[in-house]
C-alpha atoms as a PDB file:
ATOM      1  CA  UNK A   1      30.730  36.484  30.200  1.00  0.00           C
ATOM      2  CA  UNK A   2      33.917  35.410  31.999  1.00  0.00           C
ATOM      3  CA  UNK A   3      35.673  36.990  34.945  1.00  0.00           C
ATOM      4  CA  UNK A   4      38.021  38.836  32.560  1.00  0.00           C
ATOM      5  CA  UNK A   5      35.050  40.873  31.361  1.00  0.00           C
ATOM      6  CA  UNK A   6      33.956  42.042  34.819  1.00  0.00           C
ATOM      7  CA  UNK A   7      34.466  45.730  35.529  1.00  0.00           C
ATOM      8  CA  UNK A   8      36.374  46.027  38.827  1.00  0.00           C
ATOM      9  CA  UNK A   9      35.002  48.444  41.443  1.00  0.00           C
ATOM     10  CA  UNK A  10      36.212  51.990  40.958  1.00  0.00           C
ATOM     11  CA  UNK A  11      37.973  51.398  37.650  1.00  0.00           C
ATOM     12  CA  UNK A  12      35.803  53.105  35.039  1.00  0.00           C
ATOM     13  CA  UNK A  13      37.493  55.322  32.470  1.00  0.00           C
ATOM     14  CA  UNK A  14      37.422  59.062  33.174  1.00  0.00           C
ATOM     15  CA  UNK A  15      35.134  59.484  30.149  1.00  0.00           C
ATOM     16  CA  UNK A  16      32.376  57.756  32.144  1.00  0.00           C
ATOM     17  CA  UNK A  17      32.346  60.344  34.939  1.00  0.00           C
ATOM     18  CA  UNK A  18      29.823  62.566  33.168  1.00  0.00           C
ATOM     19  CA  UNK A  19      27.475  59.679  32.449  1.00  0.00           C
ATOM     20  CA  UNK A  20      27.218  58.640  36.111  1.00  0.00           C
ATOM     21  CA  UNK A  21      24.785  61.437  36.982  1.00  0.00           C
ATOM     22  CA  UNK A  22      22.427  60.872  34.056  1.00  0.00           C
ATOM     23  CA  UNK A  23      20.394  58.156  35.789  1.00  0.00           C
ATOM     24  CA  UNK A  24      19.738  59.869  39.126  1.00  0.00           C
ATOM     25  CA  UNK A  25      15.977  60.174  38.492  1.00  0.00           C
ATOM     26  CA  UNK A  26      15.575  56.587  37.260  1.00  0.00           C
ATOM     27  CA  UNK A  27      14.455  53.875  39.689  1.00  0.00           C
ATOM     28  CA  UNK A  28      16.720  50.982  40.647  1.00  0.00           C
ATOM     29  CA  UNK A  29      14.274  48.590  39.008  1.00  0.00           C
ATOM     30  CA  UNK A  30      14.308  50.485  35.706  1.00  0.00           C
ATOM     31  CA  UNK A  31      18.125  50.624  35.682  1.00  0.00           C
ATOM     32  CA  UNK A  32      18.301  46.905  36.389  1.00  0.00           C
ATOM     33  CA  UNK A  33      15.783  46.122  33.618  1.00  0.00           C
ATOM     34  CA  UNK A  34      17.924  48.143  31.212  1.00  0.00           C
ATOM     35  CA  UNK A  35      20.929  46.049  32.217  1.00  0.00           C
ATOM     36  CA  UNK A  36      18.909  42.846  31.880  1.00  0.00           C
ATOM     37  CA  UNK A  37      17.945  43.848  28.333  1.00  0.00           C
ATOM     38  CA  UNK A  38      21.570  44.434  27.361  1.00  0.00           C
ATOM     39  CA  UNK A  39      23.307  41.665  29.331  1.00  0.00           C
ATOM     40  CA  UNK A  40      21.063  39.169  31.100  1.00  0.00           C
ATOM     41  CA  UNK A  41      24.018  37.164  32.458  1.00  0.00           C
ATOM     42  CA  UNK A  42      25.423  40.177  34.309  1.00  0.00           C
ATOM     43  CA  UNK A  43      21.959  41.193  35.504  1.00  0.00           C
ATOM     44  CA  UNK A  44      21.480  37.721  36.986  1.00  0.00           C
ATOM     45  CA  UNK A  45      24.616  38.211  39.124  1.00  0.00           C
ATOM     46  CA  UNK A  46      23.752  41.714  40.345  1.00  0.00           C
ATOM     47  CA  UNK A  47      20.971  42.458  42.813  1.00  0.00           C
ATOM     48  CA  UNK A  48      18.519  45.052  41.413  1.00  0.00           C
ATOM     49  CA  UNK A  49      19.013  47.242  44.504  1.00  0.00           C
ATOM     50  CA  UNK A  50      22.797  47.410  44.038  1.00  0.00           C
ATOM     51  CA  UNK A  51      22.445  50.707  42.187  1.00  0.00           C
ATOM     52  CA  UNK A  52      26.183  51.403  42.062  1.00  0.00           C
ATOM     53  CA  UNK A  53      27.000  48.152  40.241  1.00  0.00           C
ATOM     54  CA  UNK A  54      23.962  48.314  37.958  1.00  0.00           C
ATOM     55  CA  UNK A  55      24.860  51.851  36.897  1.00  0.00           C
ATOM     56  CA  UNK A  56      28.498  50.871  36.414  1.00  0.00           C
ATOM     57  CA  UNK A  57      27.608  47.969  34.139  1.00  0.00           C
ATOM     58  CA  UNK A  58      25.129  50.091  32.178  1.00  0.00           C
ATOM     59  CA  UNK A  59      27.758  52.781  31.588  1.00  0.00           C
ATOM     60  CA  UNK A  60      30.397  50.190  30.669  1.00  0.00           C
ATOM     61  CA  UNK A  61      28.075  48.349  28.300  1.00  0.00           C
ATOM     62  CA  UNK A  62      26.981  51.603  26.678  1.00  0.00           C
ATOM     63  CA  UNK A  63      30.629  52.155  25.746  1.00  0.00           C
ATOM     64  CA  UNK A  64      30.993  48.627  24.364  1.00  0.00           C
ATOM     65  CA  UNK A  65      27.736  48.421  22.388  1.00  0.00           C
END
């Protein structure tokens, strides 16, 4: 995945706003594993405890796939 495919901070579509709260009861590790399953390259670049970025990528990828 190249730099053109990276979601910049704070630039998710408004349609994603509702999905942000869905994962509040899920651990950081579980969110990261979900990301790793979908996109291992992105997961390798993001620390599992960076919940904001992991959630952002999961929401973005759920719109793409």
